[in-house]
Amino acid sequence: MNKLKVSISARLYDHHGHLVRKYRPKAAHSFLAQFIEYLYIQMSQTQTDVTKTDGSDYNVIPAILNLSVNAPASDLNYGLLIGSGTDPVTIDDYVLQSQITSDLTVLAHTFSLSYPSSNTRRLSISRTFTNTSLSPMSIEEVVLYTIYAGLMYFCLDRTLYSVSIPASSSLTLTYRIDVSI
């Protein structure tokens, strides 16, 4: 029997880069409508309307870069992003409720493919966020945005994930997708 498992975990580092705390993985079972629509587009090689992060619909066609989440450092438009919203997740969500963009340094993503067991494959997507303010930063939600045609953004996953980044500290979030048989 096939099993899909999605989770988010975090590691907190002080201003010297020393590991302070590891947060246990939490289920990130919040794939949204846009995720399945993107799979449909790519697998069927047809087109359909998908809701963008600005709330408008756009007719997406199959493309090589569909599902790209590899945002460079400082890019707060796609990839793993954080917010302070606490509204429950719904299948029709398409944007962070309240994106955190200030007092923040964001690094580029890292990706890895691993084999935790003989019948499991894991994709890990990580990104580090540094709180540059003098106060703690409260994160309540994490999203995974993709970019389309270099200028439109779509939310694939929104998960409520509560963690605080102390002043001058860094948090590395890791989004994992495991497939097992």
N, C-alpha and C. Protein backbone atom coordinates (compact mmCIF):
# COMPACT_ATOMS: atom_id res chain seq x y z
N MET A 1 0.85 -1.18 0.00
CA MET A 1 0.00 0.00 0.00
C MET A 1 0.89 1.24 0.00
N ASN A 2 0.62 2.16 -0.89
CA ASN A 2 1.36 3.41 -0.98
C ASN A 2 0.97 4.35 0.15
N LYS A 3 1.93 5.10 0.65
CA LYS A 3 1.64 6.06 1.70
C LYS A 3 2.40 7.35 1.40
N LEU A 4 1.70 8.46 1.49
CA LEU A 4 2.31 9.78 1.32
C LEU A 4 2.30 10.47 2.67
N LYS A 5 3.45 10.95 3.08
CA LYS A 5 3.57 11.63 4.37
C LYS A 5 4.28 12.96 4.14
N VAL A 6 3.69 14.04 4.63
CA VAL A 6 4.28 15.36 4.48
C VAL A 6 4.44 15.96 5.86
N SER A 7 5.62 16.57 6.13
CA SER A 7 5.86 17.14 7.46
C SER A 7 6.73 18.38 7.37
N ILE A 8 6.69 19.16 8.44
CA ILE A 8 7.54 20.33 8.60
C ILE A 8 8.28 20.18 9.92
N SER A 9 9.58 20.47 9.89
CA SER A 9 10.36 20.48 11.12
C SER A 9 11.21 21.74 11.12
N ALA A 10 11.84 22.03 12.26
CA ALA A 10 12.64 23.25 12.36
C ALA A 10 13.84 23.03 13.26
N ARG A 11 14.86 23.84 13.00
CA ARG A 11 16.05 23.90 13.85
C ARG A 11 16.32 25.37 14.14
N LEU A 12 16.52 25.69 15.41
CA LEU A 12 16.76 27.07 15.84
C LEU A 12 18.24 27.24 16.17
N TYR A 13 18.84 28.32 15.62
CA TYR A 13 20.26 28.61 15.83
C TYR A 13 20.42 29.99 16.46
N ASP A 14 21.39 30.13 17.36
CA ASP A 14 21.65 31.45 17.94
C ASP A 14 22.46 32.30 16.96
N HIS A 15 22.78 33.53 17.36
CA HIS A 15 23.46 34.46 16.46
C HIS A 15 24.89 34.03 16.13
N HIS A 16 25.41 33.03 16.83
CA HIS A 16 26.73 32.48 16.52
C HIS A 16 26.64 31.27 15.59
N GLY A 17 25.40 30.88 15.27
CA GLY A 17 25.20 29.72 14.41
C GLY A 17 25.18 28.39 15.13
N HIS A 18 25.13 28.43 16.47
CA HIS A 18 25.08 27.20 17.26
C HIS A 18 23.64 26.71 17.38
N LEU A 19 23.45 25.41 17.21
CA LEU A 19 22.13 24.82 17.33
C LEU A 19 21.62 24.98 18.76
N VAL A 20 20.42 25.57 18.90
CA VAL A 20 19.81 25.79 20.21
C VAL A 20 18.72 24.76 20.48
N ARG A 21 17.93 24.46 19.44
CA ARG A 21 16.80 23.56 19.63
C ARG A 21 16.39 22.92 18.31
N LYS A 22 16.00 21.64 18.39
CA LYS A 22 15.40 20.94 17.26
C LYS A 22 13.92 20.77 17.56
N TYR A 23 13.08 21.13 16.60
CA TYR A 23 11.63 20.93 16.74
C TYR A 23 11.26 19.64 16.02
N ARG A 24 10.45 18.83 16.65
CA ARG A 24 10.03 17.56 16.07
C ARG A 24 9.21 17.82 14.81
N PRO A 25 9.27 16.91 13.85
CA PRO A 25 8.44 17.06 12.66
C PRO A 25 6.96 17.06 13.02
N LYS A 26 6.22 17.92 12.34
CA LYS A 26 4.77 18.02 12.51
C LYS A 26 4.13 17.74 11.16
N ALA A 27 3.04 17.00 11.17
CA ALA A 27 2.35 16.70 9.92
C ALA A 27 1.98 17.99 9.20
N ALA A 28 2.26 18.02 7.92
CA ALA A 28 1.91 19.17 7.08
C ALA A 28 0.94 18.67 6.02
N HIS A 29 -0.16 18.15 6.50
CA HIS A 29 -1.14 17.53 5.61
C HIS A 29 -2.12 18.56 5.07
N SER A 30 -1.58 19.61 4.50
CA SER A 30 -2.44 20.71 4.06
C SER A 30 -2.21 21.07 2.60
N PHE A 31 -2.02 20.04 1.74
CA PHE A 31 -1.98 20.33 0.32
C PHE A 31 -3.29 21.00 -0.06
N LEU A 32 -3.21 22.02 -0.88
CA LEU A 32 -4.38 22.80 -1.26
C LEU A 32 -4.83 22.44 -2.66
N ALA A 33 -5.95 23.04 -3.09
CA ALA A 33 -6.50 22.77 -4.42
C ALA A 33 -5.46 23.00 -5.51
N GLN A 34 -4.63 24.04 -5.35
CA GLN A 34 -3.64 24.36 -6.38
C GLN A 34 -2.63 23.22 -6.58
N PHE A 35 -2.32 22.49 -5.53
CA PHE A 35 -1.37 21.38 -5.64
C PHE A 35 -1.90 20.31 -6.58
N ILE A 36 -3.13 19.87 -6.35
CA ILE A 36 -3.69 18.80 -7.18
C ILE A 36 -3.95 19.31 -8.59
N GLU A 37 -4.30 20.60 -8.73
CA GLU A 37 -4.50 21.17 -10.07
C GLU A 37 -3.18 21.19 -10.85
N TYR A 38 -2.08 21.50 -10.18
CA TYR A 38 -0.77 21.47 -10.84
C TYR A 38 -0.40 20.04 -11.27
N LEU A 39 -0.65 19.06 -10.42
CA LEU A 39 -0.39 17.68 -10.81
C LEU A 39 -1.23 17.30 -12.03
N TYR A 40 -2.48 17.70 -12.02
CA TYR A 40 -3.37 17.42 -13.15
C TYR A 40 -2.82 18.03 -14.44
N ILE A 41 -2.41 19.29 -14.37
CA ILE A 41 -1.88 19.99 -15.55
C ILE A 41 -0.65 19.27 -16.09
N GLN A 42 0.29 18.96 -15.22
CA GLN A 42 1.54 18.35 -15.67
C GLN A 42 1.35 16.91 -16.15
N MET A 43 0.53 16.14 -15.45
CA MET A 43 0.38 14.73 -15.81
C MET A 43 -0.52 14.52 -17.02
N SER A 44 -1.54 15.36 -17.18
CA SER A 44 -2.45 15.21 -18.31
C SER A 44 -2.01 16.02 -19.52
N GLN A 45 -1.05 16.95 -19.30
CA GLN A 45 -0.59 17.84 -20.36
C GLN A 45 -1.74 18.64 -20.96
N THR A 46 -2.66 19.05 -20.07
CA THR A 46 -3.76 19.94 -20.46
C THR A 46 -3.69 21.18 -19.60
N GLN A 47 -4.62 22.07 -19.77
CA GLN A 47 -4.61 23.32 -19.02
C GLN A 47 -5.87 23.44 -18.18
N THR A 48 -5.79 24.24 -17.13
CA THR A 48 -6.96 24.53 -16.29
C THR A 48 -6.70 25.81 -15.52
N ASP A 49 -7.77 26.42 -15.02
CA ASP A 49 -7.63 27.63 -14.21
C ASP A 49 -7.17 27.27 -12.81
N VAL A 50 -6.21 28.06 -12.29
CA VAL A 50 -5.68 27.88 -10.95
C VAL A 50 -5.69 29.24 -10.27
N THR A 51 -6.06 29.30 -8.99
CA THR A 51 -6.11 30.56 -8.25
C THR A 51 -4.71 30.99 -7.83
N LYS A 52 -4.35 32.23 -8.21
CA LYS A 52 -3.05 32.79 -7.86
C LYS A 52 -3.08 33.33 -6.43
N THR A 53 -1.91 33.72 -5.91
CA THR A 53 -1.83 34.23 -4.55
C THR A 53 -2.50 35.59 -4.40
N ASP A 54 -2.82 36.26 -5.51
CA ASP A 54 -3.55 37.53 -5.41
C ASP A 54 -5.06 37.31 -5.47
N GLY A 55 -5.50 36.04 -5.57
CA GLY A 55 -6.92 35.71 -5.56
C GLY A 55 -7.54 35.59 -6.94
N SER A 56 -6.85 35.99 -7.97
CA SER A 56 -7.40 35.89 -9.33
C SER A 56 -7.05 34.52 -9.92
N ASP A 57 -7.85 34.10 -10.90
CA ASP A 57 -7.59 32.83 -11.58
C ASP A 57 -6.74 33.06 -12.82
N TYR A 58 -5.94 32.06 -13.15
CA TYR A 58 -5.12 32.13 -14.35
C TYR A 58 -5.11 30.75 -15.00
N ASN A 59 -5.24 30.72 -16.33
CA ASN A 59 -5.24 29.47 -17.06
C ASN A 59 -3.80 28.99 -17.23
N VAL A 60 -3.43 27.98 -16.45
CA VAL A 60 -2.07 27.45 -16.45
C VAL A 60 -1.97 26.31 -17.46
N ILE A 61 -0.88 26.32 -18.24
CA ILE A 61 -0.62 25.26 -19.20
C ILE A 61 0.59 24.46 -18.73
N PRO A 62 0.78 23.26 -19.25
CA PRO A 62 1.96 22.48 -18.88
C PRO A 62 3.24 23.25 -19.22
N ALA A 63 4.21 23.20 -18.33
CA ALA A 63 5.47 23.92 -18.56
C ALA A 63 6.59 23.22 -17.80
N ILE A 64 7.79 23.40 -18.30
CA ILE A 64 8.96 22.77 -17.69
C ILE A 64 9.15 23.24 -16.25
N LEU A 65 8.93 24.52 -15.98
CA LEU A 65 9.19 25.07 -14.65
C LEU A 65 8.01 25.00 -13.69
N ASN A 66 6.90 24.39 -14.09
CA ASN A 66 5.80 24.23 -13.14
C ASN A 66 6.31 23.50 -11.90
N LEU A 67 5.84 23.90 -10.76
CA LEU A 67 6.20 23.36 -9.45
C LEU A 67 7.57 23.80 -8.97
N SER A 68 8.17 24.80 -9.59
CA SER A 68 9.45 25.33 -9.11
C SER A 68 9.23 26.08 -7.80
N VAL A 69 9.99 25.70 -6.78
CA VAL A 69 9.92 26.38 -5.48
C VAL A 69 11.30 26.85 -5.04
N ASN A 70 12.25 26.86 -5.96
CA ASN A 70 13.65 27.14 -5.66
C ASN A 70 13.96 28.64 -5.67
N ALA A 71 13.31 29.40 -4.81
CA ALA A 71 13.54 30.85 -4.75
C ALA A 71 14.95 31.15 -4.24
N PRO A 72 15.59 32.17 -4.81
CA PRO A 72 16.92 32.55 -4.34
C PRO A 72 16.85 33.29 -3.00
N ALA A 73 18.01 33.54 -2.42
CA ALA A 73 18.08 34.31 -1.16
C ALA A 73 17.35 35.63 -1.33
N SER A 74 16.71 36.07 -0.28
CA SER A 74 15.99 37.35 -0.19
C SER A 74 14.69 37.40 -0.98
N ASP A 75 14.37 36.38 -1.76
CA ASP A 75 13.13 36.38 -2.53
C ASP A 75 11.99 35.88 -1.65
N LEU A 76 11.05 36.78 -1.37
CA LEU A 76 9.91 36.45 -0.50
C LEU A 76 8.63 36.26 -1.30
N ASN A 77 8.75 35.87 -2.58
CA ASN A 77 7.59 35.67 -3.43
C ASN A 77 7.22 34.21 -3.61
N TYR A 78 8.18 33.30 -3.46
CA TYR A 78 7.85 31.89 -3.62
C TYR A 78 8.84 31.03 -2.85
N GLY A 79 8.54 29.72 -2.84
CA GLY A 79 9.30 28.79 -2.03
C GLY A 79 8.67 28.66 -0.65
N LEU A 80 9.47 28.28 0.34
CA LEU A 80 8.99 28.24 1.72
C LEU A 80 8.92 29.66 2.25
N LEU A 81 7.75 30.03 2.78
CA LEU A 81 7.53 31.37 3.33
C LEU A 81 6.82 31.24 4.66
N ILE A 82 6.89 32.30 5.48
CA ILE A 82 6.31 32.25 6.82
C ILE A 82 5.32 33.39 7.02
N GLY A 83 4.40 33.16 7.98
CA GLY A 83 3.42 34.19 8.30
C GLY A 83 2.97 34.09 9.74
N SER A 84 2.09 35.02 10.10
CA SER A 84 1.59 35.08 11.48
C SER A 84 0.10 34.78 11.58
N GLY A 85 -0.53 34.35 10.50
CA GLY A 85 -1.97 34.06 10.51
C GLY A 85 -2.29 32.78 11.25
N THR A 86 -3.48 32.74 11.84
CA THR A 86 -3.89 31.58 12.63
C THR A 86 -5.22 30.98 12.18
N ASP A 87 -5.80 31.50 11.09
CA ASP A 87 -7.07 30.93 10.61
C ASP A 87 -6.87 29.47 10.23
N PRO A 88 -7.87 28.62 10.50
CA PRO A 88 -7.76 27.21 10.10
C PRO A 88 -7.54 27.09 8.59
N VAL A 89 -6.82 26.06 8.20
CA VAL A 89 -6.54 25.82 6.79
C VAL A 89 -7.79 25.24 6.11
N THR A 90 -8.08 25.73 4.89
CA THR A 90 -9.15 25.16 4.08
C THR A 90 -8.58 24.79 2.72
N ILE A 91 -9.24 23.89 2.01
CA ILE A 91 -8.79 23.45 0.70
C ILE A 91 -8.71 24.61 -0.29
N ASP A 92 -9.51 25.66 -0.07
CA ASP A 92 -9.55 26.80 -0.99
C ASP A 92 -8.58 27.92 -0.63
N ASP A 93 -7.75 27.75 0.40
CA ASP A 93 -6.73 28.76 0.70
C ASP A 93 -5.82 28.92 -0.51
N TYR A 94 -5.36 30.14 -0.73
CA TYR A 94 -4.47 30.38 -1.87
C TYR A 94 -3.32 31.33 -1.52
N VAL A 95 -3.25 31.76 -0.25
CA VAL A 95 -2.24 32.74 0.14
C VAL A 95 -2.00 32.64 1.65
N LEU A 96 -0.82 33.09 2.09
CA LEU A 96 -0.59 33.24 3.53
C LEU A 96 -1.62 34.21 4.07
N GLN A 97 -2.12 33.95 5.25
CA GLN A 97 -3.07 34.89 5.85
C GLN A 97 -2.38 36.21 6.15
N SER A 98 -1.16 36.15 6.69
CA SER A 98 -0.44 37.36 7.07
C SER A 98 1.07 37.11 6.94
N GLN A 99 1.63 37.39 5.77
CA GLN A 99 3.04 37.09 5.50
C GLN A 99 3.97 37.98 6.31
N ILE A 100 5.03 37.38 6.84
CA ILE A 100 6.08 38.12 7.54
C ILE A 100 7.16 38.47 6.51
N THR A 101 7.40 39.77 6.33
CA THR A 101 8.38 40.22 5.33
C THR A 101 9.41 41.18 5.90
N SER A 102 9.16 41.75 7.07
CA SER A 102 10.11 42.73 7.61
C SER A 102 10.95 42.11 8.72
N ASP A 103 12.09 42.75 9.01
CA ASP A 103 13.01 42.29 10.05
C ASP A 103 13.45 40.85 9.82
N LEU A 104 13.72 40.54 8.57
CA LEU A 104 13.95 39.16 8.18
C LEU A 104 15.03 39.08 7.10
N THR A 105 15.96 38.16 7.28
CA THR A 105 16.90 37.80 6.22
C THR A 105 16.57 36.37 5.82
N VAL A 106 16.45 36.13 4.53
CA VAL A 106 16.04 34.82 4.04
C VAL A 106 17.11 34.27 3.10
N LEU A 107 17.53 33.04 3.34
CA LEU A 107 18.53 32.40 2.50
C LEU A 107 17.87 31.63 1.35
N ALA A 108 18.68 31.19 0.41
CA ALA A 108 18.20 30.35 -0.68
C ALA A 108 17.80 28.98 -0.12
N HIS A 109 17.02 28.26 -0.89
CA HIS A 109 16.60 26.92 -0.50
C HIS A 109 17.73 25.91 -0.71
N THR A 110 17.64 24.84 0.05
CA THR A 110 18.47 23.66 -0.22
C THR A 110 17.51 22.49 -0.41
N PHE A 111 17.91 21.56 -1.24
CA PHE A 111 17.08 20.40 -1.56
C PHE A 111 17.90 19.14 -1.36
N SER A 112 17.23 18.07 -0.94
CA SER A 112 17.91 16.78 -0.88
C SER A 112 16.91 15.67 -1.16
N LEU A 113 17.43 14.60 -1.73
CA LEU A 113 16.66 13.39 -1.97
C LEU A 113 17.35 12.29 -1.17
N SER A 114 16.59 11.63 -0.30
CA SER A 114 17.20 10.60 0.54
C SER A 114 16.35 9.34 0.56
N TYR A 115 16.91 8.29 1.13
CA TYR A 115 16.28 6.98 1.17
C TYR A 115 16.30 6.48 2.61
N PRO A 116 15.35 6.93 3.45
CA PRO A 116 15.35 6.55 4.86
C PRO A 116 15.21 5.05 5.11
N SER A 117 14.60 4.34 4.16
CA SER A 117 14.49 2.88 4.26
C SER A 117 14.44 2.33 2.84
N SER A 118 14.46 1.01 2.73
CA SER A 118 14.49 0.40 1.40
C SER A 118 13.21 0.65 0.60
N ASN A 119 12.12 0.98 1.28
CA ASN A 119 10.86 1.23 0.57
C ASN A 119 10.35 2.66 0.75
N THR A 120 11.22 3.59 1.12
CA THR A 120 10.82 4.99 1.32
C THR A 120 11.78 5.92 0.59
N ARG A 121 11.21 6.91 -0.06
CA ARG A 121 11.98 7.98 -0.69
C ARG A 121 11.52 9.30 -0.08
N ARG A 122 12.48 10.23 0.15
CA ARG A 122 12.15 11.49 0.82
C ARG A 122 12.74 12.66 0.04
N LEU A 123 11.90 13.65 -0.21
CA LEU A 123 12.33 14.94 -0.75
C LEU A 123 12.29 15.93 0.39
N SER A 124 13.41 16.61 0.65
CA SER A 124 13.48 17.63 1.70
C SER A 124 13.78 18.98 1.06
N ILE A 125 13.00 19.99 1.46
CA ILE A 125 13.18 21.36 1.00
C ILE A 125 13.41 22.20 2.24
N SER A 126 14.55 22.88 2.33
CA SER A 126 14.88 23.67 3.53
C SER A 126 15.17 25.12 3.17
N ARG A 127 14.88 25.99 4.12
CA ARG A 127 15.17 27.42 3.97
C ARG A 127 15.38 28.01 5.35
N THR A 128 16.36 28.92 5.46
CA THR A 128 16.70 29.54 6.74
C THR A 128 16.20 30.98 6.77
N PHE A 129 15.57 31.33 7.90
CA PHE A 129 15.03 32.67 8.15
C PHE A 129 15.75 33.24 9.37
N THR A 130 16.30 34.44 9.27
CA THR A 130 16.98 35.08 10.39
C THR A 130 16.19 36.30 10.84
N ASN A 131 15.88 36.34 12.13
CA ASN A 131 15.18 37.48 12.74
C ASN A 131 16.21 38.58 12.98
N THR A 132 16.09 39.69 12.25
CA THR A 132 17.05 40.79 12.38
C THR A 132 16.57 41.88 13.34
N SER A 133 15.42 41.64 13.99
CA SER A 133 14.90 42.64 14.92
C SER A 133 15.45 42.41 16.33
N LEU A 134 15.07 43.28 17.24
CA LEU A 134 15.48 43.16 18.65
C LEU A 134 14.43 42.44 19.49
N SER A 135 13.37 41.95 18.83
CA SER A 135 12.28 41.26 19.52
C SER A 135 12.07 39.88 18.93
N PRO A 136 11.46 38.98 19.71
CA PRO A 136 11.15 37.65 19.15
C PRO A 136 10.15 37.78 18.00
N MET A 137 10.24 36.88 17.05
CA MET A 137 9.33 36.84 15.90
C MET A 137 8.49 35.58 16.01
N SER A 138 7.17 35.73 16.04
CA SER A 138 6.27 34.58 16.15
C SER A 138 5.79 34.14 14.77
N ILE A 139 6.07 32.89 14.45
CA ILE A 139 5.59 32.28 13.21
C ILE A 139 4.40 31.40 13.57
N GLU A 140 3.34 31.50 12.80
CA GLU A 140 2.15 30.69 13.04
C GLU A 140 1.76 29.85 11.82
N GLU A 141 2.26 30.23 10.63
CA GLU A 141 1.90 29.51 9.41
C GLU A 141 3.10 29.44 8.47
N VAL A 142 3.14 28.35 7.72
CA VAL A 142 4.19 28.13 6.72
C VAL A 142 3.50 27.74 5.42
N VAL A 143 3.99 28.30 4.31
CA VAL A 143 3.44 27.94 3.01
C VAL A 143 4.54 27.50 2.06
N LEU A 144 4.12 26.83 1.02
CA LEU A 144 5.00 26.47 -0.09
C LEU A 144 4.36 27.04 -1.35
N TYR A 145 4.98 28.09 -1.89
CA TYR A 145 4.51 28.75 -3.11
C TYR A 145 5.37 28.29 -4.28
N THR A 146 4.73 28.14 -5.44
CA THR A 146 5.45 27.88 -6.68
C THR A 146 5.35 29.11 -7.57
N ILE A 147 6.26 29.22 -8.53
CA ILE A 147 6.26 30.34 -9.48
C ILE A 147 5.89 29.78 -10.86
N TYR A 148 5.16 30.57 -11.63
CA TYR A 148 4.75 30.17 -12.97
C TYR A 148 5.07 31.30 -13.93
N ALA A 149 5.69 30.98 -15.03
CA ALA A 149 6.02 31.94 -16.09
C ALA A 149 6.83 33.12 -15.57
N GLY A 150 7.56 32.91 -14.47
CA GLY A 150 8.45 33.94 -13.95
C GLY A 150 7.79 35.10 -13.27
N LEU A 151 6.45 35.10 -13.16
CA LEU A 151 5.80 36.28 -12.57
C LEU A 151 4.50 36.02 -11.84
N MET A 152 4.02 34.79 -11.80
CA MET A 152 2.79 34.48 -11.08
C MET A 152 3.09 33.43 -10.02
N TYR A 153 2.38 33.51 -8.90
CA TYR A 153 2.67 32.64 -7.76
C TYR A 153 1.41 31.90 -7.34
N PHE A 154 1.59 30.64 -6.95
CA PHE A 154 0.48 29.79 -6.53
C PHE A 154 0.87 29.07 -5.25
N CYS A 155 -0.08 28.98 -4.32
CA CYS A 155 0.15 28.34 -3.02
C CYS A 155 -0.20 26.85 -3.12
N LEU A 156 0.78 26.00 -2.90
CA LEU A 156 0.58 24.55 -2.97
C LEU A 156 0.21 23.95 -1.62
N ASP A 157 0.72 24.53 -0.55
CA ASP A 157 0.49 24.00 0.80
C ASP A 157 0.49 25.15 1.79
N ARG A 158 -0.42 25.10 2.74
CA ARG A 158 -0.43 26.03 3.88
C ARG A 158 -0.63 25.20 5.12
N THR A 159 0.28 25.31 6.07
CA THR A 159 0.22 24.54 7.31
C THR A 159 0.39 25.47 8.50
N LEU A 160 -0.45 25.30 9.50
CA LEU A 160 -0.27 26.05 10.74
C LEU A 160 0.90 25.41 11.49
N TYR A 161 1.88 26.24 11.83
CA TYR A 161 3.10 25.75 12.47
C TYR A 161 3.60 26.86 13.38
N SER A 162 3.46 26.67 14.68
CA SER A 162 3.77 27.72 15.65
C SER A 162 5.18 27.55 16.20
N VAL A 163 6.02 28.58 15.99
CA VAL A 163 7.39 28.58 16.49
C VAL A 163 7.84 30.03 16.61
N SER A 164 8.74 30.31 17.53
CA SER A 164 9.23 31.67 17.73
C SER A 164 10.72 31.73 17.42
N ILE A 165 11.13 32.81 16.75
CA ILE A 165 12.56 33.04 16.48
C ILE A 165 13.01 34.18 17.38
N PRO A 166 13.88 33.92 18.36
CA PRO A 166 14.39 35.00 19.21
C PRO A 166 15.15 36.04 18.37
N ALA A 167 15.33 37.21 18.94
CA ALA A 167 16.08 38.28 18.27
C ALA A 167 17.45 37.78 17.85
N SER A 168 17.87 38.16 16.66
CA SER A 168 19.20 37.82 16.11
C SER A 168 19.45 36.33 15.97
N SER A 169 18.41 35.54 15.93
CA SER A 169 18.55 34.09 15.78
C SER A 169 18.01 33.65 14.43
N SER A 170 18.33 32.42 14.05
CA SER A 170 17.91 31.88 12.76
C SER A 170 17.11 30.60 12.95
N LEU A 171 16.17 30.39 12.06
CA LEU A 171 15.35 29.19 12.07
C LEU A 171 15.43 28.56 10.69
N THR A 172 15.81 27.29 10.63
CA THR A 172 15.80 26.56 9.37
C THR A 172 14.57 25.66 9.36
N LEU A 173 13.67 25.91 8.42
CA LEU A 173 12.49 25.08 8.24
C LEU A 173 12.78 24.04 7.18
N THR A 174 12.31 22.83 7.42
CA THR A 174 12.46 21.76 6.44
C THR A 174 11.10 21.15 6.17
N TYR A 175 10.72 21.16 4.91
CA TYR A 175 9.46 20.61 4.42
C TYR A 175 9.81 19.27 3.77
N ARG A 176 9.23 18.18 4.28
CA ARG A 176 9.58 16.85 3.78
C ARG A 176 8.37 16.15 3.19
N ILE A 177 8.59 15.52 2.05
CA ILE A 177 7.57 14.69 1.42
C ILE A 177 8.15 13.29 1.32
N ASP A 178 7.51 12.34 2.01
CA ASP A 178 7.93 10.94 2.00
C ASP A 178 6.92 10.11 1.22
N VAL A 179 7.41 9.21 0.39
CA VAL A 179 6.56 8.24 -0.29
C VAL A 179 7.08 6.87 0.09
N SER A 180 6.16 6.02 0.59
CA SER A 180 6.53 4.66 1.02
C SER A 180 5.61 3.64 0.40
N ILE A 181 6.13 2.45 0.28
CA ILE A 181 5.31 1.32 -0.17
C ILE A 181 5.34 0.28 0.93
